[in-house]
Amino acid sequence: MRIDKFLKVSRVIKRRTLAHEACERQKVTINGKVAKPGSTVAEGDIVEIRFGENTVRFRVKKISEHVRKEEAEEMIEIL
């Protein structure tokens, strides 16, 4: 799954356009490499997102195309 879509579906970032912009501004890394909006993310990958001075780091546990709000929390594990 594309990283910009995953960030939206997992509700890490509210809108896909914001996820897309974060990737273009090199704020997102997958396994230590800068991610482009179309970069593929897989289960077990470590994703890091920089929001200003804060950084969020998590492991991808599950990938699904459509998820309910309650199930979105099960898609990632905060590190």
PDB file of N, CA and C in Angstrom:
ATOM      1  N   MET A   1       0.840  -1.174   0.000  1.00  0.00           N
ATOM      2  CA  MET A   1       0.000   0.000   0.000  1.00  0.00           C
ATOM      3  C   MET A   1       0.889   1.243   0.000  1.00  0.00           C
ATOM      4  N   ARG A   2       0.444   2.267  -0.675  1.00  0.00           N
ATOM      5  CA  ARG A   2       1.180   3.535  -0.702  1.00  0.00           C
ATOM      6  C   ARG A   2       1.233   4.136   0.706  1.00  0.00           C
ATOM      7  N   ILE A   3       2.361   4.764   1.035  1.00  0.00           N
ATOM      8  CA  ILE A   3       2.523   5.327   2.377  1.00  0.00           C
ATOM      9  C   ILE A   3       1.526   6.451   2.642  1.00  0.00           C
ATOM     10  N   ASP A   4       1.240   7.295   1.642  1.00  0.00           N
ATOM     11  CA  ASP A   4       0.294   8.390   1.885  1.00  0.00           C
ATOM     12  C   ASP A   4      -1.103   7.849   2.189  1.00  0.00           C
ATOM     13  N   LYS A   5      -1.498   6.801   1.499  1.00  0.00           N
ATOM     14  CA  LYS A   5      -2.809   6.192   1.763  1.00  0.00           C
ATOM     15  C   LYS A   5      -2.817   5.486   3.116  1.00  0.00           C
ATOM     16  N   PHE A   6      -1.735   4.787   3.448  1.00  0.00           N
ATOM     17  CA  PHE A   6      -1.664   4.092   4.732  1.00  0.00           C
ATOM     18  C   PHE A   6      -1.787   5.071   5.897  1.00  0.00           C
ATOM     19  N   LEU A   7      -1.104   6.202   5.813  1.00  0.00           N
ATOM     20  CA  LEU A   7      -1.158   7.183   6.893  1.00  0.00           C
ATOM     21  C   LEU A   7      -2.573   7.709   7.099  1.00  0.00           C
ATOM     22  N   LYS A   8      -3.325   7.842   6.016  1.00  0.00           N
ATOM     23  CA  LYS A   8      -4.711   8.296   6.101  1.00  0.00           C
ATOM     24  C   LYS A   8      -5.613   7.191   6.644  1.00  0.00           C
ATOM     25  N   VAL A   9      -5.508   5.980   6.090  1.00  0.00           N
ATOM     26  CA  VAL A   9      -6.370   4.866   6.504  1.00  0.00           C
ATOM     27  C   VAL A   9      -6.137   4.514   7.976  1.00  0.00           C
ATOM     28  N   SER A  10      -4.890   4.550   8.415  1.00  0.00           N
ATOM     29  CA  SER A  10      -4.570   4.213   9.807  1.00  0.00           C
ATOM     30  C   SER A  10      -4.842   5.378  10.755  1.00  0.00           C
ATOM     31  N   ARG A  11      -5.245   6.505  10.202  1.00  0.00           N
ATOM     32  CA  ARG A  11      -5.596   7.716  10.943  1.00  0.00           C
ATOM     33  C   ARG A  11      -4.419   8.324  11.695  1.00  0.00           C
ATOM     34  N   VAL A  12      -3.210   8.107  11.196  1.00  0.00           N
ATOM     35  CA  VAL A  12      -2.035   8.777  11.749  1.00  0.00           C
ATOM     36  C   VAL A  12      -2.075  10.237  11.307  1.00  0.00           C
ATOM     37  N   ILE A  13      -2.454  10.461  10.044  1.00  0.00           N
ATOM     38  CA  ILE A  13      -2.657  11.802   9.495  1.00  0.00           C
ATOM     39  C   ILE A  13      -4.092  11.855   8.984  1.00  0.00           C
ATOM     40  N   LYS A  14      -4.764  12.962   9.251  1.00  0.00           N
ATOM     41  CA  LYS A  14      -6.207  13.060   9.003  1.00  0.00           C
ATOM     42  C   LYS A  14      -6.598  12.972   7.531  1.00  0.00           C
ATOM     43  N   ARG A  15      -5.835  13.631   6.650  1.00  0.00           N
ATOM     44  CA  ARG A  15      -6.195  13.644   5.228  1.00  0.00           C
ATOM     45  C   ARG A  15      -5.036  13.152   4.370  1.00  0.00           C
ATOM     46  N   ARG A  16      -5.380  12.504   3.270  1.00  0.00           N
ATOM     47  CA  ARG A  16      -4.360  11.953   2.378  1.00  0.00           C
ATOM     48  C   ARG A  16      -3.517  13.063   1.758  1.00  0.00           C
ATOM     49  N   THR A  17      -4.118  14.214   1.469  1.00  0.00           N
ATOM     50  CA  THR A  17      -3.340  15.312   0.887  1.00  0.00           C
ATOM     51  C   THR A  17      -2.267  15.792   1.858  1.00  0.00           C
ATOM     52  N   LEU A  18      -2.580  15.814   3.152  1.00  0.00           N
ATOM     53  CA  LEU A  18      -1.576  16.200   4.146  1.00  0.00           C
ATOM     54  C   LEU A  18      -0.471  15.150   4.235  1.00  0.00           C
ATOM     55  N   ALA A  19      -0.839  13.885   4.146  1.00  0.00           N
ATOM     56  CA  ALA A  19       0.154  12.807   4.155  1.00  0.00           C
ATOM     57  C   ALA A  19       1.054  12.919   2.927  1.00  0.00           C
ATOM     58  N   HIS A  20       0.448  13.233   1.777  1.00  0.00           N
ATOM     59  CA  HIS A  20       1.185  13.401   0.525  1.00  0.00           C
ATOM     60  C   HIS A  20       2.198  14.547   0.660  1.00  0.00           C
ATOM     61  N   GLU A  21       1.754  15.672   1.213  1.00  0.00           N
ATOM     62  CA  GLU A  21       2.638  16.830   1.393  1.00  0.00           C
ATOM     63  C   GLU A  21       3.766  16.527   2.374  1.00  0.00           C
ATOM     64  N   ALA A  22       3.474  15.806   3.442  1.00  0.00           N
ATOM     65  CA  ALA A  22       4.505  15.449   4.419  1.00  0.00           C
ATOM     66  C   ALA A  22       5.596  14.607   3.758  1.00  0.00           C
ATOM     67  N   CYS A  23       5.200  13.696   2.880  1.00  0.00           N
ATOM     68  CA  CYS A  23       6.171  12.869   2.159  1.00  0.00           C
ATOM     69  C   CYS A  23       7.003  13.724   1.204  1.00  0.00           C
ATOM     70  N   GLU A  24       6.354  14.626   0.491  1.00  0.00           N
ATOM     71  CA  GLU A  24       7.075  15.486  -0.450  1.00  0.00           C
ATOM     72  C   GLU A  24       8.071  16.391   0.261  1.00  0.00           C
ATOM     73  N   ARG A  25       7.779  16.772   1.488  1.00  0.00           N
ATOM     74  CA  ARG A  25       8.674  17.636   2.272  1.00  0.00           C
ATOM     75  C   ARG A  25       9.709  16.834   3.051  1.00  0.00           C
ATOM     76  N   GLN A  26       9.811  15.557   2.746  1.00  0.00           N
ATOM     77  CA  GLN A  26      10.788  14.645   3.349  1.00  0.00           C
ATOM     78  C   GLN A  26      10.648  14.560   4.866  1.00  0.00           C
ATOM     79  N   LYS A  27       9.412  14.554   5.340  1.00  0.00           N
ATOM     80  CA  LYS A  27       9.121  14.444   6.772  1.00  0.00           C
ATOM     81  C   LYS A  27       8.836  13.001   7.182  1.00  0.00           C
ATOM     82  N   VAL A  28       8.752  12.093   6.192  1.00  0.00           N
ATOM     83  CA  VAL A  28       8.388  10.699   6.460  1.00  0.00           C
ATOM     84  C   VAL A  28       9.520   9.779   6.011  1.00  0.00           C
ATOM     85  N   THR A  29       9.881   8.822   6.874  1.00  0.00           N
ATOM     86  CA  THR A  29      10.868   7.811   6.488  1.00  0.00           C
ATOM     87  C   THR A  29      10.281   6.423   6.718  1.00  0.00           C
ATOM     88  N   ILE A  30      10.694   5.490   5.868  1.00  0.00           N
ATOM     89  CA  ILE A  30      10.324   4.083   6.020  1.00  0.00           C
ATOM     90  C   ILE A  30      11.624   3.312   6.164  1.00  0.00           C
ATOM     91  N   ASN A  31      11.801   2.655   7.291  1.00  0.00           N
ATOM     92  CA  ASN A  31      13.030   1.899   7.581  1.00  0.00           C
ATOM     93  C   ASN A  31      14.279   2.754   7.377  1.00  0.00           C
ATOM     94  N   GLY A  32      14.211   4.027   7.789  1.00  0.00           N
ATOM     95  CA  GLY A  32      15.360   4.916   7.727  1.00  0.00           C
ATOM     96  C   GLY A  32      15.581   5.609   6.400  1.00  0.00           C
ATOM     97  N   LYS A  33      14.781   5.316   5.382  1.00  0.00           N
ATOM     98  CA  LYS A  33      14.925   5.950   4.068  1.00  0.00           C
ATOM     99  C   LYS A  33      13.781   6.930   3.851  1.00  0.00           C
ATOM    100  N   VAL A  34      14.091   8.099   3.284  1.00  0.00           N
ATOM    101  CA  VAL A  34      13.063   9.105   3.012  1.00  0.00           C
ATOM    102  C   VAL A  34      12.030   8.516   2.060  1.00  0.00           C
ATOM    103  N   ALA A  35      10.750   8.693   2.412  1.00  0.00           N
ATOM    104  CA  ALA A  35       9.655   8.106   1.632  1.00  0.00           C
ATOM    105  C   ALA A  35       9.030   9.131   0.702  1.00  0.00           C
ATOM    106  N   LYS A  36       8.794   8.716  -0.535  1.00  0.00           N
ATOM    107  CA  LYS A  36       8.014   9.515  -1.471  1.00  0.00           C
ATOM    108  C   LYS A  36       6.553   9.134  -1.254  1.00  0.00           C
ATOM    109  N   PRO A  37       5.598   9.961  -1.704  1.00  0.00           N
ATOM    110  CA  PRO A  37       4.181   9.647  -1.479  1.00  0.00           C
ATOM    111  C   PRO A  37       3.763   8.284  -2.027  1.00  0.00           C
ATOM    112  N   GLY A  38       4.401   7.819  -3.081  1.00  0.00           N
ATOM    113  CA  GLY A  38       4.046   6.540  -3.688  1.00  0.00           C
ATOM    114  C   GLY A  38       4.851   5.364  -3.177  1.00  0.00           C
ATOM    115  N   SER A  39       5.718   5.599  -2.194  1.00  0.00           N
ATOM    116  CA  SER A  39       6.514   4.506  -1.633  1.00  0.00           C
ATOM    117  C   SER A  39       5.606   3.460  -1.003  1.00  0.00           C
ATOM    118  N   THR A  40       5.998   2.204  -1.157  1.00  0.00           N
ATOM    119  CA  THR A  40       5.193   1.102  -0.627  1.00  0.00           C
ATOM    120  C   THR A  40       5.581   0.801   0.813  1.00  0.00           C
ATOM    121  N   VAL A  41       4.572   0.599   1.635  1.00  0.00           N
ATOM    122  CA  VAL A  41       4.786   0.220   3.029  1.00  0.00           C
ATOM    123  C   VAL A  41       4.245  -1.198   3.217  1.00  0.00           C
ATOM    124  N   ALA A  42       4.959  -1.998   4.014  1.00  0.00           N
ATOM    125  CA  ALA A  42       4.562  -3.387   4.256  1.00  0.00           C
ATOM    126  C   ALA A  42       4.516  -3.651   5.758  1.00  0.00           C
ATOM    127  N   GLU A  43       3.889  -4.743   6.135  1.00  0.00           N
ATOM    128  CA  GLU A  43       3.832  -5.122   7.544  1.00  0.00           C
ATOM    129  C   GLU A  43       5.249  -5.324   8.069  1.00  0.00           C
ATOM    130  N   GLY A  44       5.514  -4.801   9.260  1.00  0.00           N
ATOM    131  CA  GLY A  44       6.830  -4.917   9.867  1.00  0.00           C
ATOM    132  C   GLY A  44       7.729  -3.721   9.622  1.00  0.00           C
ATOM    133  N   ASP A  45       7.368  -2.841   8.691  1.00  0.00           N
ATOM    134  CA  ASP A  45       8.171  -1.649   8.411  1.00  0.00           C
ATOM    135  C   ASP A  45       8.110  -0.679   9.588  1.00  0.00           C
ATOM    136  N   ILE A  46       9.206   0.058   9.785  1.00  0.00           N
ATOM    137  CA  ILE A  46       9.270   1.096  10.808  1.00  0.00           C
ATOM    138  C   ILE A  46       9.115   2.439  10.094  1.00  0.00           C
ATOM    139  N   VAL A  47       8.092   3.192  10.483  1.00  0.00           N
ATOM    140  CA  VAL A  47       7.804   4.489   9.864  1.00  0.00           C
ATOM    141  C   VAL A  47       8.057   5.576  10.897  1.00  0.00           C
ATOM    142  N   GLU A  48       8.686   6.659  10.448  1.00  0.00           N
ATOM    143  CA  GLU A  48       8.964   7.789  11.327  1.00  0.00           C
ATOM    144  C   GLU A  48       8.453   9.052  10.650  1.00  0.00           C
ATOM    145  N   ILE A  49       7.701   9.869  11.387  1.00  0.00           N
ATOM    146  CA  ILE A  49       7.149  11.111  10.854  1.00  0.00           C
ATOM    147  C   ILE A  49       7.575  12.252  11.763  1.00  0.00           C
ATOM    148  N   ARG A  50       8.091  13.330  11.156  1.00  0.00           N
ATOM    149  CA  ARG A  50       8.498  14.509  11.915  1.00  0.00           C
ATOM    150  C   ARG A  50       7.429  15.595  11.773  1.00  0.00           C
ATOM    151  N   PHE A  51       6.862  16.014  12.913  1.00  0.00           N
ATOM    152  CA  PHE A  51       5.901  17.115  12.978  1.00  0.00           C
ATOM    153  C   PHE A  51       6.574  18.239  13.752  1.00  0.00           C
ATOM    154  N   GLY A  52       7.131  19.216  13.064  1.00  0.00           N
ATOM    155  CA  GLY A  52       7.836  20.293  13.763  1.00  0.00           C
ATOM    156  C   GLY A  52       9.000  19.720  14.546  1.00  0.00           C
ATOM    157  N   GLU A  53       8.972  19.901  15.865  1.00  0.00           N
ATOM    158  CA  GLU A  53      10.039  19.367  16.714  1.00  0.00           C
ATOM    159  C   GLU A  53       9.721  17.967  17.232  1.00  0.00           C
ATOM    160  N   ASN A  54       8.498  17.514  17.033  1.00  0.00           N
ATOM    161  CA  ASN A  54       8.084  16.190  17.514  1.00  0.00           C
ATOM    162  C   ASN A  54       8.294  15.125  16.444  1.00  0.00           C
ATOM    163  N   THR A  55       8.558  13.921  16.887  1.00  0.00           N
ATOM    164  CA  THR A  55       8.725  12.787  15.984  1.00  0.00           C
ATOM    165  C   THR A  55       7.865  11.628  16.474  1.00  0.00           C
ATOM    166  N   VAL A  56       7.138  11.018  15.537  1.00  0.00           N
ATOM    167  CA  VAL A  56       6.328   9.844  15.841  1.00  0.00           C
ATOM    168  C   VAL A  56       6.959   8.662  15.122  1.00  0.00           C
ATOM    169  N   ARG A  57       7.214   7.587  15.862  1.00  0.00           N
ATOM    170  CA  ARG A  57       7.837   6.395  15.287  1.00  0.00           C
ATOM    171  C   ARG A  57       6.953   5.198  15.604  1.00  0.00           C
ATOM    172  N   PHE A  58       6.622   4.417  14.571  1.00  0.00           N
ATOM    173  CA  PHE A  58       5.752   3.265  14.785  1.00  0.00           C
ATOM    174  C   PHE A  58       6.075   2.138  13.822  1.00  0.00           C
ATOM    175  N   ARG A  59       5.631   0.926  14.203  1.00  0.00           N
ATOM    176  CA  ARG A  59       5.790  -0.268  13.374  1.00  0.00           C
ATOM    177  C   ARG A  59       4.434  -0.573  12.744  1.00  0.00           C
ATOM    178  N   VAL A  60       4.449  -0.922  11.462  1.00  0.00           N
ATOM    179  CA  VAL A  60       3.225  -1.299  10.758  1.00  0.00           C
ATOM    180  C   VAL A  60       2.895  -2.734  11.147  1.00  0.00           C
ATOM    181  N   LYS A  61       1.729  -2.937  11.768  1.00  0.00           N
ATOM    182  CA  LYS A  61       1.322  -4.274  12.201  1.00  0.00           C
ATOM    183  C   LYS A  61       0.393  -4.942  11.204  1.00  0.00           C
ATOM    184  N   LYS A  62      -0.438  -4.143  10.542  1.00  0.00           N
ATOM    185  CA  LYS A  62      -1.475  -4.696   9.681  1.00  0.00           C
ATOM    186  C   LYS A  62      -1.791  -3.689   8.585  1.00  0.00           C
ATOM    187  N   ILE A  63      -2.104  -4.195   7.395  1.00  0.00           N
ATOM    188  CA  ILE A  63      -2.483  -3.325   6.284  1.00  0.00           C
ATOM    189  C   ILE A  63      -3.863  -3.743   5.792  1.00  0.00           C
ATOM    190  N   SER A  64      -4.767  -2.774   5.718  1.00  0.00           N
ATOM    191  CA  SER A  64      -6.120  -3.000   5.208  1.00  0.00           C
ATOM    192  C   SER A  64      -6.543  -1.793   4.387  1.00  0.00           C
ATOM    193  N   GLU A  65      -7.330  -2.041   3.350  1.00  0.00           N
ATOM    194  CA  GLU A  65      -7.800  -0.952   2.492  1.00  0.00           C
ATOM    195  C   GLU A  65      -8.823  -0.070   3.201  1.00  0.00           C
ATOM    196  N   HIS A  66      -9.745  -0.700   3.914  1.00  0.00           N
ATOM    197  CA  HIS A  66     -10.806   0.034   4.597  1.00  0.00           C
ATOM    198  C   HIS A  66     -10.873  -0.439   6.041  1.00  0.00           C
ATOM    199  N   VAL A  67     -10.873   0.515   6.967  1.00  0.00           N
ATOM    200  CA  VAL A  67     -10.858   0.169   8.379  1.00  0.00           C
ATOM    201  C   VAL A  67     -11.802   1.102   9.144  1.00  0.00           C
ATOM    202  N   ARG A  68     -12.459   0.560  10.144  1.00  0.00           N
ATOM    203  CA  ARG A  68     -13.263   1.397  11.031  1.00  0.00           C
ATOM    204  C   ARG A  68     -12.344   2.115  12.005  1.00  0.00           C
ATOM    205  N   LYS A  69     -12.861   3.169  12.588  1.00  0.00           N
ATOM    206  CA  LYS A  69     -12.080   3.973  13.523  1.00  0.00           C
ATOM    207  C   LYS A  69     -11.504   3.115  14.653  1.00  0.00           C
ATOM    208  N   GLU A  70     -12.310   2.202  15.171  1.00  0.00           N
ATOM    209  CA  GLU A  70     -11.871   1.354  16.282  1.00  0.00           C
ATOM    210  C   GLU A  70     -10.746   0.409  15.863  1.00  0.00           C
ATOM    211  N   GLU A  71     -10.753  -0.025  14.611  1.00  0.00           N
ATOM    212  CA  GLU A  71      -9.754  -0.977  14.118  1.00  0.00           C
ATOM    213  C   GLU A  71      -8.462  -0.292  13.684  1.00  0.00           C
ATOM    214  N   ALA A  72      -8.499   1.015  13.462  1.00  0.00           N
ATOM    215  CA  ALA A  72      -7.324   1.744  12.978  1.00  0.00           C
ATOM    216  C   ALA A  72      -6.165   1.653  13.964  1.00  0.00           C
ATOM    217  N   GLU A  73      -6.464   1.632  15.255  1.00  0.00           N
ATOM    218  CA  GLU A  73      -5.419   1.551  16.273  1.00  0.00           C
ATOM    219  C   GLU A  73      -4.627   0.252  16.184  1.00  0.00           C
ATOM    220  N   GLU A  74      -5.242  -0.797  15.647  1.00  0.00           N
ATOM    221  CA  GLU A  74      -4.589  -2.101  15.543  1.00  0.00           C
ATOM    222  C   GLU A  74      -3.608  -2.170  14.376  1.00  0.00           C
ATOM    223  N   MET A  75      -3.596  -1.156  13.524  1.00  0.00           N
ATOM    224  CA  MET A  75      -2.734  -1.174  12.346  1.00  0.00           C
ATOM    225  C   MET A  75      -1.292  -0.803  12.657  1.00  0.00           C
ATOM    226  N   ILE A  76      -1.076  -0.071  13.769  1.00  0.00           N
ATOM    227  CA  ILE A  76       0.276   0.374  14.100  1.00  0.00           C
ATOM    228  C   ILE A  76       0.607   0.073  15.555  1.00  0.00           C
ATOM    229  N   GLU A  77       1.913   0.051  15.837  1.00  0.00           N
ATOM    230  CA  GLU A  77       2.414  -0.104  17.205  1.00  0.00           C
ATOM    231  C   GLU A  77       3.407   1.021  17.440  1.00  0.00           C
ATOM    232  N   ILE A  78       3.081   1.943  18.340  1.00  0.00           N
ATOM    233  CA  ILE A  78       3.952   3.077  18.641  1.00  0.00           C
ATOM    234  C   ILE A  78       5.221   2.563  19.318  1.00  0.00           C
ATOM    235  N   LEU A  79       6.368   3.060  18.861  1.00  0.00           N
ATOM    236  CA  LEU A  79       7.654   2.640  19.438  1.00  0.00           C
ATOM    237  C   LEU A  79       8.215   3.728  20.337  1.00  0.00           C
TER     238      LEU A  79
END
